[in-house]
Amino acid sequence: MELACKLADRLGDRGRLRLIDRGTEILEDAPKFNQTASKEALAEHNVWIDYETEVAALTENTISLKYKETVDELPVDLVLWTVGTAIAPWVEALDLPHTDRGQLPTNEQLQIIDHPQIFALGDVAQGKADVPMTAQVAIQQADVCAWNIRALITEKPLLAFNFFNLGEMLTLGENNATLSGLGVELEGNLAHIARRLVYLYRLPTWQHQLNVGLNWMVQPLVKLLANQD
């Protein structure tokens, strides 16, 4: 969403940005508040959304879009393709059980099925079906995984992983974001600031926090000086 809004701003009146989506809605798995805020931001930046549409062909100067049974060829200057995650070849080559997608099936304790001495987490692991493939899942799994490795070594009971959804944050262009979680719903500049504070808090050391925080503070000044030149 952030990239689409920023590109639309750069284009201005020189062209039109189109967002192609196979589904009937953008961000289908996002909270409704975030989904609505994203739609409004795209509309504000004049981004056209093609729902239920697939890319049939792509050349140096054209793109062919298939909607139902109709294919239209359109002139283009730039095409950006975003795809989901893929399992690394070395993971697929492991002599371990795999799902149809190449993931490693795990139990509630994050142990690979039939291999209790090996743990898997994040996008390479497939556990409960209702757990999304997001960073906060992997972060929470890491704590449980570390605990269970120690418990396995010391012959203590292992913990089951239970995902606690902290919500979702999205950037929607310059100084604009949306945040939904833990009963809080924010959008606009306030959500943008809250999102940055959360990310600063999650950085591993105070040196990282200081470097990133200073960079964020200096960026507006650099842009101001660049515009004056």
Protein backbone atom coordinates (compact mmCIF):
# COMPACT_ATOMS: atom_id res chain seq x y z
CA MET A 1 0.00 0.00 0.00
CA GLU A 2 2.80 2.40 0.88
CA LEU A 3 4.57 1.82 -2.43
CA ALA A 4 1.37 2.27 -4.44
CA CYS A 5 0.55 5.58 -2.72
CA LYS A 6 4.08 6.96 -3.10
CA LEU A 7 4.29 5.97 -6.77
CA ALA A 8 0.94 7.62 -7.44
CA ASP A 9 2.22 10.83 -5.85
CA ARG A 10 5.35 10.75 -8.03
CA LEU A 11 3.31 10.19 -11.18
CA GLY A 12 0.93 13.06 -10.55
CA ASP A 13 -0.86 13.97 -13.78
CA ARG A 14 1.68 12.15 -15.95
CA GLY A 15 0.00 8.75 -15.71
CA ARG A 16 -2.32 6.40 -13.88
CA LEU A 17 -1.36 3.68 -11.43
CA ARG A 18 -3.37 0.45 -11.52
CA LEU A 19 -3.39 -2.21 -8.84
CA ILE A 20 -4.15 -5.72 -10.13
CA ASP A 21 -5.70 -8.21 -7.72
CA ARG A 22 -7.04 -11.71 -8.36
CA GLY A 23 -9.43 -11.48 -5.42
CA THR A 24 -12.65 -9.57 -4.87
CA GLU A 25 -11.10 -7.37 -2.16
CA ILE A 26 -7.65 -6.01 -1.36
CA LEU A 27 -6.08 -7.12 1.92
CA GLU A 28 -8.72 -9.82 2.42
CA ASP A 29 -7.06 -11.11 5.60
CA ALA A 30 -6.55 -7.65 7.16
CA PRO A 31 -8.79 -6.18 9.87
CA LYS A 32 -11.80 -4.40 8.38
CA PHE A 33 -10.63 -1.03 9.71
CA ASN A 34 -7.26 -1.35 7.99
CA GLN A 35 -8.86 -2.58 4.79
CA THR A 36 -11.23 0.41 4.64
CA ALA A 37 -8.46 2.90 5.43
CA SER A 38 -6.30 1.38 2.67
CA LYS A 39 -9.10 1.68 0.12
CA GLU A 40 -9.64 5.32 1.05
CA ALA A 41 -5.91 6.06 0.78
CA LEU A 42 -5.69 4.45 -2.67
CA ALA A 43 -8.74 6.37 -3.85
CA GLU A 44 -7.26 9.62 -2.52
CA HIS A 45 -4.09 8.95 -4.53
CA ASN A 46 -6.12 8.08 -7.65
CA VAL A 47 -4.99 4.46 -7.75
CA TRP A 48 -7.27 2.30 -9.90
CA ILE A 49 -7.95 -1.22 -8.57
CA ASP A 50 -8.73 -4.08 -10.96
CA TYR A 51 -10.45 -6.85 -8.98
CA GLU A 52 -10.78 -10.48 -10.14
CA THR A 53 -8.11 -9.75 -12.75
CA GLU A 54 -5.04 -11.74 -13.81
CA VAL A 55 -1.98 -10.87 -15.87
CA ALA A 56 -2.26 -12.86 -19.10
CA ALA A 57 0.89 -11.56 -20.82
CA LEU A 58 3.63 -9.00 -20.39
CA THR A 59 5.92 -7.38 -22.96
CA GLU A 60 8.42 -4.54 -22.85
CA ASN A 61 5.72 -1.91 -23.40
CA THR A 62 2.37 -3.63 -22.79
CA ILE A 63 0.49 -5.69 -20.25
CA SER A 64 -2.48 -7.95 -21.02
CA LEU A 65 -5.08 -8.18 -18.27
CA LYS A 66 -7.65 -10.96 -18.13
CA TYR A 67 -10.99 -10.17 -16.47
CA LYS A 68 -13.29 -13.21 -16.55
CA GLU A 69 -13.11 -14.18 -20.25
CA THR A 70 -12.02 -10.82 -21.64
CA VAL A 71 -8.37 -9.89 -22.26
CA ASP A 72 -7.33 -6.25 -22.69
CA GLU A 73 -3.86 -5.12 -23.76
CA LEU A 74 -2.71 -1.85 -22.19
CA PRO A 75 0.43 0.27 -22.69
CA VAL A 76 2.69 0.43 -19.61
CA ASP A 77 5.87 2.18 -18.54
CA LEU A 78 6.56 0.22 -15.35
CA VAL A 79 5.30 -3.06 -13.89
CA LEU A 80 5.95 -4.12 -10.28
CA TRP A 81 5.10 -7.70 -9.36
CA THR A 82 4.58 -8.70 -5.73
CA VAL A 83 4.28 -12.35 -4.75
CA GLY A 84 4.01 -14.36 -1.58
CA THR A 85 6.72 -16.23 0.25
CA ALA A 86 8.41 -19.35 -1.12
CA ILE A 87 10.20 -22.11 0.75
CA ALA A 88 13.98 -22.04 0.29
CA PRO A 89 15.34 -24.92 -1.82
CA TRP A 90 17.63 -26.09 1.00
CA VAL A 91 14.61 -26.49 3.30
CA GLU A 92 12.77 -28.51 0.66
CA ALA A 93 15.88 -30.70 0.26
CA LEU A 94 15.98 -31.67 3.95
CA ASP A 95 15.33 -35.32 4.69
CA LEU A 96 12.23 -34.44 6.72
CA PRO A 97 8.47 -34.61 6.13
CA HIS A 98 7.06 -31.78 4.00
CA THR A 99 3.61 -30.47 3.15
CA ASP A 100 2.43 -29.92 -0.42
CA ARG A 101 3.80 -26.37 -0.18
CA GLY A 102 7.19 -27.58 1.01
CA GLN A 103 6.69 -26.51 4.64
CA LEU A 104 7.71 -28.60 7.63
CA PRO A 105 4.67 -29.94 9.54
CA THR A 106 4.88 -29.30 13.30
CA ASN A 107 2.92 -30.17 16.41
CA GLU A 108 1.68 -27.70 19.03
CA GLN A 109 5.15 -27.63 20.63
CA LEU A 110 6.73 -26.60 17.27
CA GLN A 111 8.46 -29.97 16.90
CA ILE A 112 8.60 -31.43 13.39
CA ILE A 113 6.27 -34.40 13.08
CA ASP A 114 8.12 -37.69 13.77
CA HIS A 115 11.27 -35.71 14.62
CA PRO A 116 10.72 -34.36 18.17
CA GLN A 117 14.36 -33.29 18.49
CA ILE A 118 14.00 -30.77 15.63
CA PHE A 119 11.95 -27.56 15.87
CA ALA A 120 10.64 -25.31 13.10
CA LEU A 121 9.01 -21.90 13.20
CA GLY A 122 8.03 -18.99 10.98
CA ASP A 123 7.11 -19.37 7.32
CA VAL A 124 8.87 -22.75 6.91
CA ALA A 125 6.63 -24.38 9.52
CA GLN A 126 3.02 -25.43 9.19
CA GLY A 127 1.19 -25.81 12.47
CA LYS A 128 -2.33 -24.64 13.25
CA ALA A 129 -4.31 -23.68 10.17
CA ASP A 130 -5.58 -20.41 11.67
CA VAL A 131 -2.10 -18.97 12.36
CA PRO A 132 -1.11 -16.33 9.76
CA MET A 133 2.33 -16.16 8.14
CA THR A 134 3.41 -12.86 9.73
CA ALA A 135 6.42 -11.54 11.62
CA GLN A 136 4.64 -11.35 14.97
CA VAL A 137 3.84 -15.07 14.74
CA ALA A 138 7.52 -15.92 14.20
CA ILE A 139 8.58 -13.63 17.07
CA GLN A 140 6.16 -15.31 19.47
CA GLN A 141 7.15 -18.75 18.22
CA ALA A 142 10.83 -17.94 18.83
CA ASP A 143 10.19 -17.47 22.57
CA VAL A 144 8.27 -20.76 22.81
CA CYS A 145 10.84 -22.56 20.67
CA ALA A 146 13.75 -21.38 22.85
CA TRP A 147 11.89 -22.45 25.99
CA ASN A 148 11.07 -25.87 24.55
CA ILE A 149 14.63 -26.56 23.41
CA ARG A 150 15.82 -25.95 26.95
CA ALA A 151 12.94 -27.99 28.34
CA LEU A 152 13.81 -30.88 26.03
CA ILE A 153 17.45 -30.82 27.19
CA THR A 154 16.52 -30.61 30.88
CA GLU A 155 13.69 -33.17 30.49
CA LYS A 156 10.95 -30.76 31.53
CA PRO A 157 7.43 -30.39 30.06
CA LEU A 158 7.25 -28.52 26.77
CA LEU A 159 4.94 -25.57 26.15
CA ALA A 160 2.31 -25.50 23.42
CA PHE A 161 2.38 -22.49 21.11
CA ASN A 162 -0.71 -20.28 21.24
CA PHE A 163 -0.76 -17.23 19.00
CA PHE A 164 -1.84 -13.93 20.56
CA ASN A 165 -2.84 -11.50 17.83
CA LEU A 166 -1.45 -8.05 18.61
CA GLY A 167 -3.08 -6.48 15.57
CA GLU A 168 -1.80 -5.09 12.30
CA MET A 169 -0.11 -1.90 11.11
CA LEU A 170 0.12 -0.66 7.52
CA THR A 171 1.86 2.33 5.97
CA LEU A 172 -0.26 4.28 3.48
CA GLY A 173 2.14 6.76 1.94
CA GLU A 174 3.94 9.78 3.34
CA ASN A 175 3.25 10.27 7.08
CA ASN A 176 0.12 8.14 6.83
CA ALA A 177 -0.63 4.74 8.31
CA THR A 178 -3.37 2.63 9.82
CA LEU A 179 -3.28 0.59 13.01
CA SER A 180 -5.77 -1.90 14.35
CA GLY A 181 -5.30 -4.15 17.38
CA LEU A 182 -5.90 -4.65 21.09
CA GLY A 183 -9.09 -2.62 20.86
CA VAL A 184 -7.32 0.39 19.30
CA GLU A 185 -8.03 1.73 15.81
CA LEU A 186 -6.00 4.63 14.42
CA GLU A 187 -5.30 6.10 11.01
CA GLY A 188 -3.47 9.09 9.60
CA ASN A 189 -0.46 10.85 11.08
CA LEU A 190 -1.16 9.63 14.62
CA ALA A 191 -1.09 6.00 13.44
CA HIS A 192 2.12 6.77 11.52
CA ILE A 193 3.80 8.00 14.73
CA ALA A 194 2.45 5.09 16.80
CA ARG A 195 3.71 2.59 14.22
CA ARG A 196 7.22 4.06 14.31
CA LEU A 197 7.28 3.99 18.11
CA VAL A 198 6.28 0.32 18.09
CA TYR A 199 9.05 -0.50 15.60
CA LEU A 200 11.62 1.41 17.65
CA TYR A 201 10.57 -0.54 20.73
CA ARG A 202 10.98 -3.85 18.87
CA LEU A 203 14.56 -3.13 17.74
CA PRO A 204 17.06 -5.34 19.60
CA THR A 205 19.42 -2.75 21.17
CA TRP A 206 19.36 0.90 22.16
CA GLN A 207 22.06 1.57 19.53
CA HIS A 208 19.68 0.35 16.82
CA GLN A 209 16.89 2.45 18.30
CA LEU A 210 19.10 5.55 18.39
CA ASN A 211 20.37 5.12 14.82
CA VAL A 212 16.94 4.48 13.33
CA GLY A 213 15.30 7.23 15.40
CA LEU A 214 17.88 9.82 14.33
CA ASN A 215 17.51 8.75 10.72
CA TRP A 216 13.75 9.29 10.89
CA MET A 217 14.28 12.73 12.45
CA VAL A 218 16.82 13.81 9.82
CA GLN A 219 14.83 12.62 6.77
CA PRO A 220 12.34 15.57 6.74
CA LEU A 221 15.22 18.05 6.93
CA VAL A 222 17.04 16.36 4.04
CA LYS A 223 13.86 16.44 1.92
CA LEU A 224 13.31 20.13 2.76
CA LEU A 225 16.85 21.06 1.71
CA ALA A 226 16.54 18.98 -1.47
CA ASN A 227 13.31 20.77 -2.43
CA GLN A 228 14.95 24.17 -1.89
CA ASP A 229 17.77 23.22 -4.25
